Every structure is written in C-alpha cells, then in structure tokens.
Amino acid sequence: MTTNPLVPVQAIEHEDSTAAKRARPRPTFEEITAWILISALILYVMYAHLVTALVGGLALYLILDRLTLSFSKRMPHAAARPLALVLVSLVTGGAMIGGTMLAISFLRLHADNIPAMMTKMADILQSTRTWLGGFGSQIIPEVLTDAEMLKAGLVVWLKEHATTLQVAGGTFSVGFVRMIMGMLLAVLVFFRHVTHQDEELRGSLARAMAQKVDRFAHAFSSIATAQLKVSSLNTLVTALYLVSLPLFGKHLPFVTTLIVITFICGFVPVLGNLVSNTIIVILSLGVSVGTAVASLIFLIVSHKLQYILSSRIVGEHVDSQAWEILLAIILGEAAFGVAGVVMAPIVYAFAKRELHDRGLV
C-alpha cells in the first residue's frame, strides 16, 4: 500500500477490492472446449428445429428435480424420485383430460357463437363501409362485409393453400413428437444412477460440460418462470377489460368466446395478438365508434406496456435490463424466427452469467 498522504486510504482499499473482484483465473482448456461444444449444440438445436424437444425435456426435468428436492426433506431420496414422477404424470394427465373436456364442453355450448360472431363482424364492417362512403370502399374489401362471401373466400383460400397447411400441420406434428421424445429423454436422465464415486471419476471436460449444462438449465428455469407470469398477465388484463365494459354501459357480444380466443391466440407470437385484437376492435365498432377507439387504444397501450413489463420481469429474473432482453429477442427472431424468440432470452441469460463470472460484464 502506498504511503502518499494525498491518496485517501478508503480510495486505495476500494481500488484493491475492485481489482480483487476483477481478478479471475484464466479459463482452462476444458472450460473453453465446453463453451465451444455448448455453443455448437445450441446452434444445432436451432437449425435442426429441436427447440420443442429441448424445451419439453428441460421443463420436465426441472419440475421433477424441484419436486424431488422438496420430497427428500420428508422421505428417503430413493422414494422421492418415483413419487415425483407419479405426481407429475397424474397432474399432466389430469390437466390434459380436463382441458379436453373443457374444450368439448365449450364447443357444445358456444359452437354457434363462432358463425354468429363472423356474421356480426361482417354486418359491422358493412355498416362502417357504407358510413365511410367511397373511402370505406377503398379500405374495407366487399368480401369482408358479407358473412357468406367471407366463409366462401375462406374455403377457397384453404383449398389454394392446402399444401402449405399440410406442411405446417406436418411440422407441428413432428415438433410435438420431438417434444415427447425430449420429455422421455429427460425421464431417463432423471433416473440415471450416479454415485459419488462416479462423480469423482469424471474427467475434467465432463465436469466442465456438466457445469455449463446446469447453468443453462438454470437460465431456462428463470426465463420460463418469468414468461409464465407474463402470459398470465396478458390474459388477465384483456379479460378484465372485456368484463368491465358493461360497467360503462357498453355491452360487447360474445365476451366468453373472446376471452377463450384471446387465451388460445396468446400461444402464437405476434400474429395471435393481432388476430384477437382485430376481432375485439371490430365487435367494439358494432357497439359504437367510441368503444372501438377505446378498445383500440387500450389494446395498443396495454400490449406495449406488457411488452416492456415482460422484458422487465424477465430481466429481473436473469439480472438484465429490459432493453437487453428486447434486443436479444429482436436479434433471435431475425436470425431464427419463432425459435429465436424462444431461445434468445435463455441463451442471453446463460452467456451473460458466464461473462459475469469472468469479470467481463
């Protein structure tokens, strides 16, 4: 330490502590190799469309692992693992059966609402087109003002794009099968028999890889938890708006159907919100122009706020600013499409923690 009286002792100690924090051991060859392998695997998952398998497998493994840790506090570890799997299987099976029954019940009770809603939307667009005069004819196609023409146009579009829809359906089916395979792989990994001696016999590269995989899983857990909060918030806010309209004397038709459509469309990034918002605004236009404007403003503002809030929630879980997560999502979507939107926050959280541990960020 210097004896210069012009330099405060506190400043010197602060500099020493900062230097100590930044002093990190150089990464070993095994750690660098692990980074390269993990990066290559992530890129392969993106290009080979294995994101559903990765997400399904990681989600199931983390749920089983958390339940096992909780049960192990009250019973032997050997019994906790099978119990966790049985509980998850029962809950998942019950949720699937319950969801199917609810869907069937909804379709039976509200099946007529979809055609009626389409007819109502067509009537609203027709009256709006007439009210706007020549300008309305330019911005609202005639096919949208007649429910029967709209249905016929939809049938023609489906026939013309049958091949594309078939490919999309095949892609969805393959993705679902891969997700199931990823979940089965997660169960096998979860029940692997690893002893303390096996851990000691691991090579240095295997230990480095295990550490990186564990950190990637932790990043996935943080992002998934945050995204669940965001999805629930989106559905809740829209539902509250639709339910509260009658308090102001504005009765929007098909409220229950709209809430279900909003929930289902919420699983489709960007396009889903656009579809549900368009339906809500058109039906609001049938009540009054003011209601339509209010709905449009509310939906735009709420979704913008939710977009920022979602980035903030995710950022808090991974110790990042909202703009960082937004930038990662934008770059991921530009490079890999929907898969990039899903993976970008996870990869960014993982990479930032690795850099932070090296004192680089």
Protein backbone atom coordinates (compact mmCIF):
# COMPACT_ATOMS: atom_id res chain seq x y z
CA MET A 1 0.00 0.00 0.00
CA THR A 2 1.25 3.48 -0.85
CA THR A 3 2.23 5.97 1.87
CA ASN A 4 1.34 9.01 -0.22
CA PRO A 5 -0.72 11.24 2.14
CA LEU A 6 -2.55 12.78 -0.82
CA VAL A 7 -4.27 9.46 -1.63
CA PRO A 8 -7.15 8.61 0.76
CA VAL A 9 -6.92 5.20 2.42
CA GLN A 10 -10.58 4.43 1.57
CA ALA A 11 -9.94 5.02 -2.13
CA ILE A 12 -6.94 2.69 -2.05
CA GLU A 13 -8.93 -0.03 -0.31
CA HIS A 14 -11.78 0.39 -2.84
CA GLU A 15 -9.34 0.05 -5.73
CA ASP A 16 -7.79 -3.03 -4.12
CA SER A 17 -11.20 -4.67 -3.61
CA THR A 18 -12.26 -3.83 -7.17
CA ALA A 19 -9.05 -5.30 -8.53
CA ALA A 20 -9.59 -8.42 -6.42
CA LYS A 21 -13.12 -8.81 -7.79
CA ARG A 22 -11.90 -8.46 -11.35
CA ALA A 23 -9.04 -10.88 -10.81
CA ARG A 24 -10.30 -14.13 -12.26
CA PRO A 25 -8.34 -17.25 -13.14
CA ARG A 26 -7.78 -17.75 -16.83
CA PRO A 27 -10.24 -20.23 -18.35
CA THR A 28 -8.85 -23.71 -18.70
CA PHE A 29 -8.68 -25.63 -21.96
CA GLU A 30 -11.55 -27.84 -20.78
CA GLU A 31 -13.73 -24.81 -19.99
CA ILE A 32 -13.08 -23.24 -23.39
CA THR A 33 -13.88 -26.57 -25.05
CA ALA A 34 -17.11 -26.80 -23.04
CA TRP A 35 -18.13 -23.32 -24.21
CA ILE A 36 -17.48 -24.26 -27.84
CA LEU A 37 -19.43 -27.52 -27.54
CA ILE A 38 -22.39 -25.87 -25.80
CA SER A 39 -22.49 -23.11 -28.44
CA ALA A 40 -22.36 -25.67 -31.25
CA LEU A 41 -25.17 -27.69 -29.65
CA ILE A 42 -27.36 -24.61 -29.27
CA LEU A 43 -26.85 -23.67 -32.93
CA TYR A 44 -27.63 -27.25 -34.00
CA VAL A 45 -30.82 -27.24 -31.94
CA MET A 46 -31.90 -24.03 -33.67
CA TYR A 47 -31.09 -25.14 -37.21
CA ALA A 48 -32.47 -28.68 -36.76
CA HIS A 49 -35.75 -27.38 -35.27
CA LEU A 50 -35.26 -29.23 -31.99
CA VAL A 51 -36.36 -26.35 -29.76
CA THR A 52 -39.57 -28.14 -28.74
CA ALA A 53 -37.58 -31.20 -27.68
CA LEU A 54 -35.16 -29.06 -25.67
CA VAL A 55 -37.90 -27.01 -24.00
CA GLY A 56 -40.07 -30.03 -23.20
CA GLY A 57 -37.15 -32.03 -21.83
CA LEU A 58 -35.72 -29.22 -19.73
CA ALA A 59 -39.12 -28.24 -18.33
CA LEU A 60 -39.97 -31.79 -17.26
CA TYR A 61 -36.53 -32.43 -15.78
CA LEU A 62 -36.58 -29.22 -13.74
CA ILE A 63 -40.08 -29.92 -12.42
CA LEU A 64 -39.09 -33.45 -11.40
CA ASP A 65 -35.87 -32.20 -9.81
CA ARG A 66 -37.64 -29.49 -7.78
CA LEU A 67 -40.30 -31.93 -6.56
CA THR A 68 -37.65 -34.48 -5.61
CA LEU A 69 -35.75 -31.92 -3.55
CA SER A 70 -38.98 -30.99 -1.77
CA PHE A 71 -39.99 -34.61 -1.09
CA SER A 72 -36.47 -35.57 0.03
CA LYS A 73 -36.91 -33.40 3.12
CA ARG A 74 -39.73 -35.68 4.31
CA MET A 75 -38.81 -39.13 2.96
CA PRO A 76 -35.86 -41.17 1.66
CA HIS A 77 -34.34 -39.88 -1.58
CA ALA A 78 -34.88 -43.25 -3.29
CA ALA A 79 -38.65 -42.95 -2.77
CA ALA A 80 -38.82 -39.25 -3.65
CA ARG A 81 -37.85 -39.71 -7.31
CA PRO A 82 -40.61 -42.20 -8.26
CA LEU A 83 -43.17 -40.22 -6.26
CA ALA A 84 -42.24 -37.03 -8.14
CA LEU A 85 -42.68 -38.80 -11.50
CA VAL A 86 -46.03 -40.30 -10.47
CA LEU A 87 -47.30 -36.93 -9.24
CA VAL A 88 -46.21 -35.10 -12.41
CA SER A 89 -47.77 -37.84 -14.58
CA LEU A 90 -51.08 -37.63 -12.69
CA VAL A 91 -51.19 -33.83 -12.82
CA THR A 92 -50.23 -33.73 -16.52
CA GLY A 93 -52.72 -36.45 -17.44
CA GLY A 94 -55.44 -34.80 -15.38
CA ALA A 95 -54.73 -31.43 -16.96
CA MET A 96 -54.88 -32.90 -20.47
CA ILE A 97 -58.13 -34.76 -19.76
CA GLY A 98 -59.64 -31.75 -18.00
CA GLY A 99 -58.57 -29.42 -20.80
CA THR A 100 -60.06 -31.73 -23.43
CA MET A 101 -63.34 -31.98 -21.53
CA LEU A 102 -63.50 -28.21 -21.08
CA ALA A 103 -62.81 -27.71 -24.79
CA ILE A 104 -65.56 -30.17 -25.75
CA SER A 105 -67.98 -28.54 -23.29
CA PHE A 106 -67.14 -25.09 -24.62
CA LEU A 107 -67.65 -26.18 -28.22
CA ARG A 108 -71.01 -27.73 -27.37
CA LEU A 109 -72.25 -24.64 -25.55
CA HIS A 110 -70.66 -21.98 -27.75
CA ALA A 111 -70.24 -23.70 -31.14
CA ASP A 112 -72.89 -21.45 -32.67
CA ASN A 113 -71.11 -18.34 -31.41
CA ILE A 114 -68.30 -18.54 -33.97
CA PRO A 115 -70.56 -18.33 -37.10
CA ALA A 116 -72.75 -15.76 -35.31
CA MET A 117 -69.68 -13.72 -34.42
CA MET A 118 -68.47 -13.83 -38.04
CA THR A 119 -71.91 -12.65 -39.22
CA LYS A 120 -71.91 -9.87 -36.63
CA MET A 121 -68.43 -8.74 -37.70
CA ALA A 122 -69.50 -8.73 -41.37
CA ASP A 123 -72.57 -6.61 -40.56
CA ILE A 124 -70.46 -4.16 -38.59
CA LEU A 125 -67.93 -3.83 -41.41
CA GLN A 126 -70.77 -3.37 -43.94
CA SER A 127 -72.33 -0.53 -41.96
CA THR A 128 -68.91 1.05 -41.42
CA ARG A 129 -68.14 0.75 -45.15
CA THR A 130 -71.43 2.46 -46.01
CA TRP A 131 -70.90 5.20 -43.41
CA LEU A 132 -67.42 5.99 -44.78
CA GLY A 133 -68.73 6.23 -48.36
CA GLY A 134 -66.17 5.99 -51.16
CA PHE A 135 -63.29 5.91 -48.70
CA GLY A 136 -64.85 2.90 -46.99
CA SER A 137 -64.96 1.01 -50.30
CA GLN A 138 -61.22 1.52 -50.65
CA ILE A 139 -60.14 0.39 -47.18
CA ILE A 140 -62.72 -2.38 -46.50
CA PRO A 141 -62.98 -5.11 -49.18
CA GLU A 142 -66.51 -6.16 -50.11
CA VAL A 143 -65.75 -9.79 -49.26
CA LEU A 144 -65.43 -8.82 -45.58
CA THR A 145 -68.91 -7.28 -45.46
CA ASP A 146 -70.83 -10.47 -46.27
CA ALA A 147 -70.58 -13.44 -43.93
CA GLU A 148 -71.38 -15.97 -46.67
CA MET A 149 -68.82 -14.43 -49.04
CA LEU A 150 -66.30 -14.43 -46.19
CA LYS A 151 -66.89 -18.12 -45.49
CA ALA A 152 -66.70 -18.95 -49.22
CA GLY A 153 -63.49 -16.95 -49.55
CA LEU A 154 -62.05 -18.79 -46.56
CA VAL A 155 -62.89 -22.15 -48.14
CA VAL A 156 -61.24 -21.10 -51.42
CA TRP A 157 -58.15 -19.90 -49.54
CA LEU A 158 -57.92 -23.20 -47.66
CA LYS A 159 -58.10 -25.13 -50.95
CA GLU A 160 -55.45 -22.97 -52.60
CA HIS A 161 -53.10 -23.28 -49.63
CA ALA A 162 -53.84 -26.91 -48.80
CA THR A 163 -50.25 -27.95 -49.49
CA THR A 164 -48.85 -25.20 -47.29
CA LEU A 165 -51.26 -26.08 -44.49
CA GLN A 166 -50.36 -29.74 -44.84
CA VAL A 167 -46.68 -28.90 -44.46
CA ALA A 168 -47.46 -26.69 -41.46
CA GLY A 169 -49.51 -29.48 -39.89
CA GLY A 170 -46.70 -31.94 -40.51
CA THR A 171 -44.20 -29.55 -38.94
CA PHE A 172 -46.44 -29.18 -35.88
CA SER A 173 -46.82 -32.96 -35.59
CA VAL A 174 -43.07 -33.51 -35.87
CA GLY A 175 -42.46 -30.81 -33.28
CA PHE A 176 -44.94 -32.44 -30.90
CA VAL A 177 -43.33 -35.87 -31.34
CA ARG A 178 -39.90 -34.37 -30.73
CA MET A 179 -41.18 -32.71 -27.57
CA ILE A 180 -42.44 -36.09 -26.30
CA MET A 181 -39.07 -37.66 -27.12
CA GLY A 182 -37.30 -34.86 -25.27
CA MET A 183 -39.51 -35.48 -22.24
CA LEU A 184 -38.81 -39.23 -22.34
CA LEU A 185 -35.08 -38.47 -22.51
CA ALA A 186 -35.49 -36.18 -19.50
CA VAL A 187 -37.08 -39.03 -17.52
CA LEU A 188 -34.19 -41.36 -18.41
CA VAL A 189 -31.63 -38.74 -17.37
CA PHE A 190 -33.59 -38.04 -14.19
CA PHE A 191 -33.47 -41.70 -13.13
CA ARG A 192 -29.84 -42.25 -14.06
CA HIS A 193 -27.87 -43.91 -11.27
CA VAL A 194 -24.91 -41.68 -10.40
CA THR A 195 -22.85 -42.41 -7.30
CA HIS A 196 -20.34 -40.18 -5.54
CA GLN A 197 -17.57 -42.38 -6.92
CA ASP A 198 -18.83 -41.83 -10.47
CA GLU A 199 -18.66 -38.08 -9.92
CA GLU A 200 -15.03 -38.34 -8.78
CA LEU A 201 -14.09 -40.47 -11.80
CA ARG A 202 -15.41 -37.87 -14.24
CA GLY A 203 -12.86 -36.25 -16.50
CA SER A 204 -12.18 -32.53 -16.37
CA LEU A 205 -14.05 -31.90 -19.64
CA ALA A 206 -17.08 -33.85 -18.39
CA ARG A 207 -17.15 -31.78 -15.21
CA ALA A 208 -16.90 -28.54 -17.19
CA MET A 209 -19.70 -29.64 -19.54
CA ALA A 210 -21.91 -30.64 -16.58
CA GLN A 211 -21.40 -27.20 -15.04
CA LYS A 212 -22.35 -25.40 -18.27
CA VAL A 213 -25.43 -27.58 -18.79
CA ASP A 214 -26.52 -26.92 -15.20
CA ARG A 215 -26.16 -23.16 -15.72
CA PHE A 216 -28.07 -23.32 -19.00
CA ALA A 217 -30.88 -25.19 -17.22
CA HIS A 218 -30.90 -22.51 -14.51
CA ALA A 219 -31.23 -19.80 -17.16
CA PHE A 220 -34.12 -21.72 -18.76
CA SER A 221 -35.84 -22.02 -15.37
CA SER A 222 -35.57 -18.28 -14.74
CA ILE A 223 -36.92 -17.38 -18.19
CA ALA A 224 -39.77 -19.93 -18.01
CA THR A 225 -40.89 -18.65 -14.61
CA ALA A 226 -40.90 -15.06 -15.84
CA GLN A 227 -42.72 -15.92 -19.08
CA LEU A 228 -45.45 -17.77 -17.19
CA LYS A 229 -46.11 -14.58 -15.22
CA VAL A 230 -46.22 -12.53 -18.43
CA SER A 231 -48.64 -14.92 -20.20
CA SER A 232 -51.00 -14.97 -17.23
CA LEU A 233 -50.90 -11.17 -17.04
CA ASN A 234 -51.75 -10.78 -20.73
CA THR A 235 -54.87 -12.96 -20.49
CA LEU A 236 -55.95 -11.38 -17.19
CA VAL A 237 -55.68 -7.78 -18.43
CA THR A 238 -57.69 -8.45 -21.60
CA ALA A 239 -60.33 -10.40 -19.68
CA LEU A 240 -60.71 -7.60 -17.11
CA TYR A 241 -61.21 -5.05 -19.90
CA LEU A 242 -63.89 -7.13 -21.63
CA VAL A 243 -65.72 -7.85 -18.37
CA SER A 244 -65.57 -4.22 -17.20
CA LEU A 245 -67.12 -2.73 -20.37
CA PRO A 246 -70.72 -3.32 -19.15
CA LEU A 247 -69.96 -1.12 -16.12
CA PHE A 248 -69.74 1.80 -18.56
CA GLY A 249 -72.95 0.81 -20.35
CA LYS A 250 -71.11 -0.86 -23.25
CA HIS A 251 -72.17 -4.47 -23.74
CA LEU A 252 -69.78 -6.29 -26.08
CA PRO A 253 -71.20 -9.53 -27.56
CA PHE A 254 -69.51 -12.95 -27.24
CA VAL A 255 -67.35 -11.94 -24.26
CA THR A 256 -66.70 -15.54 -23.13
CA THR A 257 -65.78 -16.58 -26.66
CA LEU A 258 -63.45 -13.58 -26.99
CA ILE A 259 -61.63 -14.46 -23.75
CA VAL A 260 -61.09 -18.04 -24.94
CA ILE A 261 -59.91 -16.81 -28.37
CA THR A 262 -57.50 -14.38 -26.67
CA PHE A 263 -56.11 -17.17 -24.50
CA ILE A 264 -55.63 -19.54 -27.45
CA CYS A 265 -54.17 -16.85 -29.71
CA GLY A 266 -51.76 -15.91 -26.93
CA PHE A 267 -49.76 -19.04 -27.70
CA VAL A 268 -48.98 -17.71 -31.20
CA PRO A 269 -46.32 -14.95 -31.04
CA VAL A 270 -47.25 -11.58 -32.60
CA LEU A 271 -49.84 -12.95 -35.07
CA GLY A 272 -52.00 -14.34 -32.27
CA ASN A 273 -52.35 -10.97 -30.55
CA LEU A 274 -53.06 -9.31 -33.90
CA VAL A 275 -55.94 -11.73 -34.63
CA SER A 276 -57.58 -11.45 -31.20
CA ASN A 277 -57.17 -7.66 -31.11
CA THR A 278 -58.72 -7.26 -34.57
CA ILE A 279 -61.79 -9.28 -33.55
CA ILE A 280 -62.22 -7.26 -30.35
CA VAL A 281 -61.96 -3.91 -32.17
CA ILE A 282 -64.42 -4.92 -34.92
CA LEU A 283 -67.01 -6.12 -32.39
CA SER A 284 -66.46 -2.92 -30.38
CA LEU A 285 -67.19 -0.95 -33.55
CA GLY A 286 -70.63 -2.58 -33.59
CA VAL A 287 -71.35 -1.06 -30.16
CA SER A 288 -70.11 2.43 -31.05
CA VAL A 289 -67.23 4.23 -32.70
CA GLY A 290 -66.11 5.49 -29.31
CA THR A 291 -66.00 1.95 -27.93
CA ALA A 292 -63.94 0.81 -30.91
CA VAL A 293 -61.49 3.67 -30.45
CA ALA A 294 -61.29 2.97 -26.72
CA SER A 295 -60.68 -0.74 -27.37
CA LEU A 296 -58.01 0.04 -29.95
CA ILE A 297 -56.21 2.48 -27.65
CA PHE A 298 -56.48 0.12 -24.69
CA LEU A 299 -55.14 -2.87 -26.62
CA ILE A 300 -52.25 -0.92 -28.14
CA VAL A 301 -51.24 0.67 -24.84
CA SER A 302 -51.72 -2.49 -22.78
CA HIS A 303 -49.73 -4.66 -25.15
CA LYS A 304 -46.92 -2.12 -25.39
CA LEU A 305 -46.82 -1.89 -21.60
CA GLN A 306 -46.95 -5.68 -21.31
CA TYR A 307 -44.14 -5.98 -23.83
CA ILE A 308 -41.98 -3.66 -21.74
CA LEU A 309 -43.14 -5.25 -18.49
CA SER A 310 -42.39 -8.73 -19.81
CA SER A 311 -38.85 -7.66 -20.62
CA ARG A 312 -38.59 -6.13 -17.14
CA ILE A 313 -39.89 -9.28 -15.43
CA VAL A 314 -37.56 -11.49 -17.45
CA GLY A 315 -34.71 -9.06 -16.84
CA GLU A 316 -35.21 -9.21 -13.08
CA HIS A 317 -35.04 -12.99 -13.13
CA VAL A 318 -31.77 -13.02 -15.10
CA ASP A 319 -30.24 -9.78 -13.73
CA SER A 320 -30.56 -7.86 -17.01
CA GLN A 321 -32.11 -4.61 -18.18
CA ALA A 322 -35.32 -4.62 -20.23
CA TRP A 323 -33.57 -3.30 -23.35
CA GLU A 324 -31.06 -6.15 -23.21
CA ILE A 325 -33.79 -8.79 -23.33
CA LEU A 326 -35.65 -6.90 -26.07
CA LEU A 327 -32.52 -6.65 -28.18
CA ALA A 328 -31.81 -10.36 -27.71
CA ILE A 329 -35.36 -11.25 -28.78
CA ILE A 330 -35.19 -8.99 -31.86
CA LEU A 331 -31.87 -10.47 -32.97
CA GLY A 332 -33.07 -14.01 -32.25
CA GLU A 333 -36.26 -13.51 -34.26
CA ALA A 334 -34.35 -12.01 -37.18
CA ALA A 335 -31.92 -14.93 -37.28
CA PHE A 336 -34.09 -17.95 -36.41
CA GLY A 337 -37.74 -16.85 -36.45
CA VAL A 338 -40.04 -18.09 -33.69
CA ALA A 339 -37.37 -20.46 -32.40
CA GLY A 340 -35.09 -17.47 -31.94
CA VAL A 341 -37.76 -15.65 -29.93
CA VAL A 342 -38.00 -18.63 -27.57
CA MET A 343 -34.28 -19.30 -27.24
CA ALA A 344 -32.83 -15.77 -27.31
CA PRO A 345 -33.59 -14.81 -23.67
CA ILE A 346 -32.33 -18.19 -22.42
CA VAL A 347 -29.08 -18.05 -24.38
CA TYR A 348 -28.54 -14.42 -23.40
CA ALA A 349 -29.07 -15.15 -19.69
CA PHE A 350 -26.66 -18.09 -19.88
CA ALA A 351 -23.99 -16.15 -21.79
CA LYS A 352 -24.23 -13.11 -19.52
CA ARG A 353 -23.73 -15.21 -16.39
CA GLU A 354 -20.67 -16.85 -17.92
CA LEU A 355 -19.20 -13.46 -18.80
CA HIS A 356 -20.09 -12.06 -15.38
CA ASP A 357 -18.28 -14.90 -13.63
CA ARG A 358 -15.16 -13.93 -15.59
CA GLY A 359 -15.48 -10.29 -14.57
CA LEU A 360 -16.09 -9.22 -18.17
CA VAL A 361 -19.52 -7.63 -17.61
